[in-house]
Amino acid sequence: MRLYHAPASPFVRKVMILLHEAGAVDRVTLVPASGTPLDPGTMPVDRNPLGKIPALERDDGPTLYDSRVICRYLDETLQAGLYPASPHLWETLVLEATADGIADAAVLMRYEVFVRPGASRSPEWVEGQWAKIDRALTAIEGRWTGHLAGPVDMGQIALGAALGYLDFRHATRDWRGTRPKLAAWWAAFLQRPSMQATQPA
């Protein structure tokens, strides 16, 4: 399998954390890819017409894309057990979707500064994206700490990748200040070997 990859992407990192947790990093060849919505660069547009990563090229079928699709495929293929059976599955999927939404909003904030010329930037739009992140983090602090205390699953992994991206690209935003339980969980989760091995640089 070949994974189109950029280490700074929270969605790529989520896939890489899964591979480390499953002890299967050597099962995948990493192919560097980079680009933006304005210039796809080396993004695998012939394999993912949306021009996004991660994209997982398989030997036995079409390329998979969207990190949630890839993670479900790898979890099943590698028998990693990171998606629990029902009824707990739905909690894991909702937490994963919430974490992916945080990451998506954070990436859009980054694009607004990195891609748009200064005169075209909208501070209000950036703050609107941060408002989504802020609401989601508050919801996790209030409703999900019991789930975070349970066995490691893809919801936790997605959240780890999203929080890592916030610290990497938006370090001036103090998301920890009013969320002590989430901050404590993150400090402990960050020590996992899979998280240490996948830190963006």
C-alpha atoms as a PDB file:
ATOM      1  CA  MET A   1       0.000   0.000   0.000  1.00  0.00           C
ATOM      2  CA  ARG A   2       1.104   3.575  -0.727  1.00  0.00           C
ATOM      3  CA  LEU A   3      -0.027   6.492   1.439  1.00  0.00           C
ATOM      4  CA  TYR A   4       0.112   9.985  -0.067  1.00  0.00           C
ATOM      5  CA  HIS A   5       1.390  11.903   2.869  1.00  0.00           C
ATOM      6  CA  ALA A   6       2.430  15.225   4.417  1.00  0.00           C
ATOM      7  CA  PRO A   7       3.426  15.056   8.090  1.00  0.00           C
ATOM      8  CA  ALA A   8       1.883  18.435   8.985  1.00  0.00           C
ATOM      9  CA  SER A   9      -1.635  17.335   7.956  1.00  0.00           C
ATOM     10  CA  PRO A  10      -3.775  16.355  10.954  1.00  0.00           C
ATOM     11  CA  PHE A  11      -5.704  13.949   8.741  1.00  0.00           C
ATOM     12  CA  VAL A  12      -2.522  12.221   7.596  1.00  0.00           C
ATOM     13  CA  ARG A  13      -1.291  12.149  11.186  1.00  0.00           C
ATOM     14  CA  LYS A  14      -4.486  10.405  12.260  1.00  0.00           C
ATOM     15  CA  VAL A  15      -3.786   7.601   9.778  1.00  0.00           C
ATOM     16  CA  MET A  16      -0.160   7.398  10.862  1.00  0.00           C
ATOM     17  CA  ILE A  17      -1.122   7.143  14.542  1.00  0.00           C
ATOM     18  CA  LEU A  18      -3.390   4.212  13.662  1.00  0.00           C
ATOM     19  CA  LEU A  19      -0.527   2.507  11.821  1.00  0.00           C
ATOM     20  CA  HIS A  20       1.797   2.972  14.796  1.00  0.00           C
ATOM     21  CA  GLU A  21      -0.820   1.722  17.255  1.00  0.00           C
ATOM     22  CA  ALA A  22      -1.346  -1.340  15.048  1.00  0.00           C
ATOM     23  CA  GLY A  23       2.393  -1.954  14.656  1.00  0.00           C
ATOM     24  CA  ALA A  24       1.978  -1.779  10.887  1.00  0.00           C
ATOM     25  CA  VAL A  25       3.981   1.240   9.722  1.00  0.00           C
ATOM     26  CA  ASP A  26       6.113  -1.045   7.570  1.00  0.00           C
ATOM     27  CA  ARG A  27       3.026  -2.187   5.664  1.00  0.00           C
ATOM     28  CA  VAL A  28       2.688   1.212   3.964  1.00  0.00           C
ATOM     29  CA  THR A  29       5.043   3.143   1.670  1.00  0.00           C
ATOM     30  CA  LEU A  30       4.874   6.900   2.256  1.00  0.00           C
ATOM     31  CA  VAL A  31       4.678   9.112  -0.838  1.00  0.00           C
ATOM     32  CA  PRO A  32       5.242  12.848  -0.180  1.00  0.00           C
ATOM     33  CA  ALA A  33       2.508  15.132  -1.513  1.00  0.00           C
ATOM     34  CA  SER A  34       1.853  18.843  -1.150  1.00  0.00           C
ATOM     35  CA  GLY A  35      -0.372  21.532  -2.599  1.00  0.00           C
ATOM     36  CA  THR A  36      -3.154  23.989  -1.867  1.00  0.00           C
ATOM     37  CA  PRO A  37      -6.680  24.597  -3.186  1.00  0.00           C
ATOM     38  CA  LEU A  38      -5.154  27.182  -5.545  1.00  0.00           C
ATOM     39  CA  ASP A  39      -2.323  24.966  -6.745  1.00  0.00           C
ATOM     40  CA  PRO A  40      -2.640  21.178  -6.366  1.00  0.00           C
ATOM     41  CA  GLY A  41       1.124  20.810  -6.733  1.00  0.00           C
ATOM     42  CA  THR A  42       2.009  17.148  -6.202  1.00  0.00           C
ATOM     43  CA  MET A  43      -1.336  16.173  -4.714  1.00  0.00           C
ATOM     44  CA  PRO A  44      -2.554  12.838  -6.177  1.00  0.00           C
ATOM     45  CA  VAL A  45      -5.390  14.323  -8.241  1.00  0.00           C
ATOM     46  CA  ASP A  46      -5.360  11.301 -10.543  1.00  0.00           C
ATOM     47  CA  ARG A  47      -6.187   9.108  -7.547  1.00  0.00           C
ATOM     48  CA  ASN A  48      -8.292  11.548  -5.522  1.00  0.00           C
ATOM     49  CA  PRO A  49     -10.022  14.082  -7.780  1.00  0.00           C
ATOM     50  CA  LEU A  50     -10.556  16.345  -4.750  1.00  0.00           C
ATOM     51  CA  GLY A  51      -6.780  16.801  -4.589  1.00  0.00           C
ATOM     52  CA  LYS A  52      -6.558  16.040  -0.889  1.00  0.00           C
ATOM     53  CA  ILE A  53      -4.480  13.840   1.353  1.00  0.00           C
ATOM     54  CA  PRO A  54      -4.347  11.306   2.822  1.00  0.00           C
ATOM     55  CA  ALA A  55      -5.017   8.976  -0.083  1.00  0.00           C
ATOM     56  CA  LEU A  56      -4.284   5.257   0.213  1.00  0.00           C
ATOM     57  CA  GLU A  57      -3.371   3.433  -2.976  1.00  0.00           C
ATOM     58  CA  ARG A  58      -4.100  -0.281  -2.712  1.00  0.00           C
ATOM     59  CA  ASP A  59      -2.897  -3.245  -4.742  1.00  0.00           C
ATOM     60  CA  ASP A  60      -6.336  -4.850  -4.776  1.00  0.00           C
ATOM     61  CA  GLY A  61      -8.756  -2.018  -5.430  1.00  0.00           C
ATOM     62  CA  PRO A  62      -9.249   1.672  -6.115  1.00  0.00           C
ATOM     63  CA  THR A  63      -7.468   4.324  -4.089  1.00  0.00           C
ATOM     64  CA  LEU A  64      -9.215   5.218  -0.846  1.00  0.00           C
ATOM     65  CA  TYR A  65      -9.479   8.794   0.341  1.00  0.00           C
ATOM     66  CA  ASP A  66     -10.883  10.724   3.273  1.00  0.00           C
ATOM     67  CA  SER A  67      -9.150   9.854   6.521  1.00  0.00           C
ATOM     68  CA  ARG A  68     -12.257   8.266   8.028  1.00  0.00           C
ATOM     69  CA  VAL A  69     -12.598   5.874   5.089  1.00  0.00           C
ATOM     70  CA  ILE A  70      -8.894   5.018   5.220  1.00  0.00           C
ATOM     71  CA  CYS A  71      -8.951   4.468   8.978  1.00  0.00           C
ATOM     72  CA  ARG A  72     -11.948   2.157   8.799  1.00  0.00           C
ATOM     73  CA  TYR A  73     -10.257   0.167   6.026  1.00  0.00           C
ATOM     74  CA  LEU A  74      -6.943  -0.108   7.852  1.00  0.00           C
ATOM     75  CA  ASP A  75      -8.606  -0.955  11.152  1.00  0.00           C
ATOM     76  CA  GLU A  76     -10.458  -3.840   9.497  1.00  0.00           C
ATOM     77  CA  THR A  77      -7.500  -4.980   7.379  1.00  0.00           C
ATOM     78  CA  LEU A  78      -5.024  -4.869  10.257  1.00  0.00           C
ATOM     79  CA  GLN A  79      -7.559  -6.043  12.864  1.00  0.00           C
ATOM     80  CA  ALA A  80      -6.469  -3.142  15.051  1.00  0.00           C
ATOM     81  CA  GLY A  81      -9.692  -3.039  17.079  1.00  0.00           C
ATOM     82  CA  LEU A  82      -9.854   0.760  17.223  1.00  0.00           C
ATOM     83  CA  TYR A  83     -13.542   0.874  16.308  1.00  0.00           C
ATOM     84  CA  PRO A  84     -15.549  -0.876  19.035  1.00  0.00           C
ATOM     85  CA  ALA A  85     -18.709  -2.863  18.483  1.00  0.00           C
ATOM     86  CA  SER A  86     -22.158  -1.322  18.925  1.00  0.00           C
ATOM     87  CA  PRO A  87     -23.435   0.432  20.956  1.00  0.00           C
ATOM     88  CA  HIS A  88     -20.073   2.052  21.780  1.00  0.00           C
ATOM     89  CA  LEU A  89     -19.230   2.391  18.080  1.00  0.00           C
ATOM     90  CA  TRP A  90     -21.523   5.401  17.711  1.00  0.00           C
ATOM     91  CA  GLU A  91     -19.742   7.323  20.463  1.00  0.00           C
ATOM     92  CA  THR A  92     -16.414   6.636  18.784  1.00  0.00           C
ATOM     93  CA  LEU A  93     -17.698   7.751  15.377  1.00  0.00           C
ATOM     94  CA  VAL A  94     -19.239  10.965  16.731  1.00  0.00           C
ATOM     95  CA  LEU A  95     -16.056  11.848  18.614  1.00  0.00           C
ATOM     96  CA  GLU A  96     -14.015  11.125  15.484  1.00  0.00           C
ATOM     97  CA  ALA A  97     -16.318  13.348  13.419  1.00  0.00           C
ATOM     98  CA  THR A  98     -16.104  16.134  16.020  1.00  0.00           C
ATOM     99  CA  ALA A  99     -12.309  15.922  16.081  1.00  0.00           C
ATOM    100  CA  ASP A 100     -12.158  15.936  12.289  1.00  0.00           C
ATOM    101  CA  GLY A 101     -14.369  19.034  12.284  1.00  0.00           C
ATOM    102  CA  ILE A 102     -11.923  20.748  14.645  1.00  0.00           C
ATOM    103  CA  ALA A 103      -9.050  19.843  12.341  1.00  0.00           C
ATOM    104  CA  ASP A 104     -10.943  20.973   9.250  1.00  0.00           C
ATOM    105  CA  ALA A 105     -11.710  24.388  10.747  1.00  0.00           C
ATOM    106  CA  ALA A 106      -8.104  24.755  11.917  1.00  0.00           C
ATOM    107  CA  VAL A 107      -6.785  23.946   8.425  1.00  0.00           C
ATOM    108  CA  LEU A 108      -9.140  26.537   6.907  1.00  0.00           C
ATOM    109  CA  MET A 109      -7.774  29.117   9.355  1.00  0.00           C
ATOM    110  CA  ARG A 110      -4.276  28.236   8.210  1.00  0.00           C
ATOM    111  CA  TYR A 111      -5.235  28.536   4.530  1.00  0.00           C
ATOM    112  CA  GLU A 112      -6.745  31.977   5.100  1.00  0.00           C
ATOM    113  CA  VAL A 113      -3.347  33.269   6.245  1.00  0.00           C
ATOM    114  CA  PHE A 114      -1.044  31.060   4.172  1.00  0.00           C
ATOM    115  CA  VAL A 115      -2.864  31.061   0.814  1.00  0.00           C
ATOM    116  CA  ARG A 116      -4.866  34.283   0.541  1.00  0.00           C
ATOM    117  CA  PRO A 117      -3.089  37.581  -0.155  1.00  0.00           C
ATOM    118  CA  GLY A 118      -3.327  40.088   2.685  1.00  0.00           C
ATOM    119  CA  ALA A 119      -6.009  42.288   1.150  1.00  0.00           C
ATOM    120  CA  SER A 120      -8.308  39.300   0.647  1.00  0.00           C
ATOM    121  CA  ARG A 121      -8.083  37.905   4.161  1.00  0.00           C
ATOM    122  CA  SER A 122     -11.099  38.009   6.433  1.00  0.00           C
ATOM    123  CA  PRO A 123     -10.396  38.138  10.178  1.00  0.00           C
ATOM    124  CA  GLU A 124     -14.109  37.638  10.796  1.00  0.00           C
ATOM    125  CA  TRP A 125     -14.073  34.428   8.776  1.00  0.00           C
ATOM    126  CA  VAL A 126     -11.034  33.191  10.734  1.00  0.00           C
ATOM    127  CA  GLU A 127     -12.818  33.908  14.005  1.00  0.00           C
ATOM    128  CA  GLY A 128     -15.890  32.112  12.710  1.00  0.00           C
ATOM    129  CA  GLN A 129     -13.757  29.004  12.171  1.00  0.00           C
ATOM    130  CA  TRP A 130     -12.274  29.347  15.636  1.00  0.00           C
ATOM    131  CA  ALA A 131     -15.789  29.622  17.083  1.00  0.00           C
ATOM    132  CA  LYS A 132     -16.528  26.145  15.693  1.00  0.00           C
ATOM    133  CA  ILE A 133     -13.379  24.799  17.334  1.00  0.00           C
ATOM    134  CA  ASP A 134     -14.156  26.537  20.615  1.00  0.00           C
ATOM    135  CA  ARG A 135     -17.680  25.076  20.758  1.00  0.00           C
ATOM    136  CA  ALA A 136     -16.438  21.604  19.920  1.00  0.00           C
ATOM    137  CA  LEU A 137     -13.707  21.683  22.580  1.00  0.00           C
ATOM    138  CA  THR A 138     -16.214  22.880  25.176  1.00  0.00           C
ATOM    139  CA  ALA A 139     -18.554  20.044  24.229  1.00  0.00           C
ATOM    140  CA  ILE A 140     -15.748  17.506  24.571  1.00  0.00           C
ATOM    141  CA  GLU A 141     -14.775  18.912  27.983  1.00  0.00           C
ATOM    142  CA  GLY A 142     -18.377  18.684  29.143  1.00  0.00           C
ATOM    143  CA  ARG A 143     -19.555  15.410  27.587  1.00  0.00           C
ATOM    144  CA  TRP A 144     -16.676  13.222  26.465  1.00  0.00           C
ATOM    145  CA  THR A 145     -14.188  12.937  29.314  1.00  0.00           C
ATOM    146  CA  GLY A 146     -15.651   9.586  30.385  1.00  0.00           C
ATOM    147  CA  HIS A 147     -15.095   8.239  26.877  1.00  0.00           C
ATOM    148  CA  LEU A 148     -11.562   9.638  26.831  1.00  0.00           C
ATOM    149  CA  ALA A 149     -10.813   7.674  30.000  1.00  0.00           C
ATOM    150  CA  GLY A 150     -11.678   4.406  28.254  1.00  0.00           C
ATOM    151  CA  PRO A 151      -9.665   2.204  25.903  1.00  0.00           C
ATOM    152  CA  VAL A 152      -7.873   3.954  23.043  1.00  0.00           C
ATOM    153  CA  ASP A 153     -10.055   4.152  19.947  1.00  0.00           C
ATOM    154  CA  MET A 154     -10.260   6.145  16.731  1.00  0.00           C
ATOM    155  CA  GLY A 155     -12.210   8.935  18.396  1.00  0.00           C
ATOM    156  CA  GLN A 156      -9.319   9.535  20.773  1.00  0.00           C
ATOM    157  CA  ILE A 157      -6.754   9.218  17.982  1.00  0.00           C
ATOM    158  CA  ALA A 158      -8.601  11.758  15.817  1.00  0.00           C
ATOM    159  CA  LEU A 159      -8.813  14.126  18.773  1.00  0.00           C
ATOM    160  CA  GLY A 160      -5.104  13.692  19.440  1.00  0.00           C
ATOM    161  CA  ALA A 161      -4.314  14.586  15.825  1.00  0.00           C
ATOM    162  CA  ALA A 162      -6.620  17.622  15.944  1.00  0.00           C
ATOM    163  CA  LEU A 163      -5.221  18.984  19.224  1.00  0.00           C
ATOM    164  CA  GLY A 164      -1.709  18.421  17.942  1.00  0.00           C
ATOM    165  CA  TYR A 165      -2.522  20.530  14.894  1.00  0.00           C
ATOM    166  CA  LEU A 166      -3.917  23.319  17.083  1.00  0.00           C
ATOM    167  CA  ASP A 167      -0.672  23.398  19.034  1.00  0.00           C
ATOM    168  CA  PHE A 168       1.375  23.224  15.822  1.00  0.00           C
ATOM    169  CA  ARG A 169      -0.378  25.899  13.751  1.00  0.00           C
ATOM    170  CA  HIS A 170      -2.378  27.945  16.279  1.00  0.00           C
ATOM    171  CA  ALA A 171      -0.229  27.906  19.399  1.00  0.00           C
ATOM    172  CA  THR A 172      -1.255  31.440  20.409  1.00  0.00           C
ATOM    173  CA  ARG A 173      -4.837  30.254  20.982  1.00  0.00           C
ATOM    174  CA  ASP A 174      -5.239  29.155  24.587  1.00  0.00           C
ATOM    175  CA  TRP A 175      -7.674  26.274  24.237  1.00  0.00           C
ATOM    176  CA  ARG A 176      -6.514  24.696  27.536  1.00  0.00           C
ATOM    177  CA  GLY A 177      -7.372  27.574  29.882  1.00  0.00           C
ATOM    178  CA  THR A 178     -11.014  26.741  30.529  1.00  0.00           C
ATOM    179  CA  ARG A 179     -10.755  23.006  29.837  1.00  0.00           C
ATOM    180  CA  PRO A 180      -8.616  21.419  32.558  1.00  0.00           C
ATOM    181  CA  LYS A 181      -9.925  17.878  32.046  1.00  0.00           C
ATOM    182  CA  LEU A 182      -9.239  17.921  28.309  1.00  0.00           C
ATOM    183  CA  ALA A 183      -5.825  19.526  28.888  1.00  0.00           C
ATOM    184  CA  ALA A 184      -4.896  16.795  31.385  1.00  0.00           C
ATOM    185  CA  TRP A 185      -6.026  14.058  28.997  1.00  0.00           C
ATOM    186  CA  TRP A 186      -4.031  15.618  26.151  1.00  0.00           C
ATOM    187  CA  ALA A 187      -0.864  15.878  28.229  1.00  0.00           C
ATOM    188  CA  ALA A 188      -1.081  12.165  29.030  1.00  0.00           C
ATOM    189  CA  PHE A 189      -2.155  11.051  25.545  1.00  0.00           C
ATOM    190  CA  LEU A 190       0.699  12.971  23.952  1.00  0.00           C
ATOM    191  CA  GLN A 191       3.159  10.668  25.721  1.00  0.00           C
ATOM    192  CA  ARG A 192       2.010   7.614  23.768  1.00  0.00           C
ATOM    193  CA  PRO A 193       4.765   6.321  21.448  1.00  0.00           C
ATOM    194  CA  SER A 194       2.422   6.672  18.457  1.00  0.00           C
ATOM    195  CA  MET A 195       1.954  10.369  19.221  1.00  0.00           C
ATOM    196  CA  GLN A 196       5.649  11.006  19.793  1.00  0.00           C
ATOM    197  CA  ALA A 197       6.546   9.251  16.541  1.00  0.00           C
ATOM    198  CA  THR A 198       4.125  11.347  14.465  1.00  0.00           C
ATOM    199  CA  GLN A 199       4.713  14.869  15.767  1.00  0.00           C
ATOM    200  CA  PRO A 200       4.781  17.370  12.895  1.00  0.00           C
ATOM    201  CA  ALA A 201       7.934  19.373  12.363  1.00  0.00           C
END
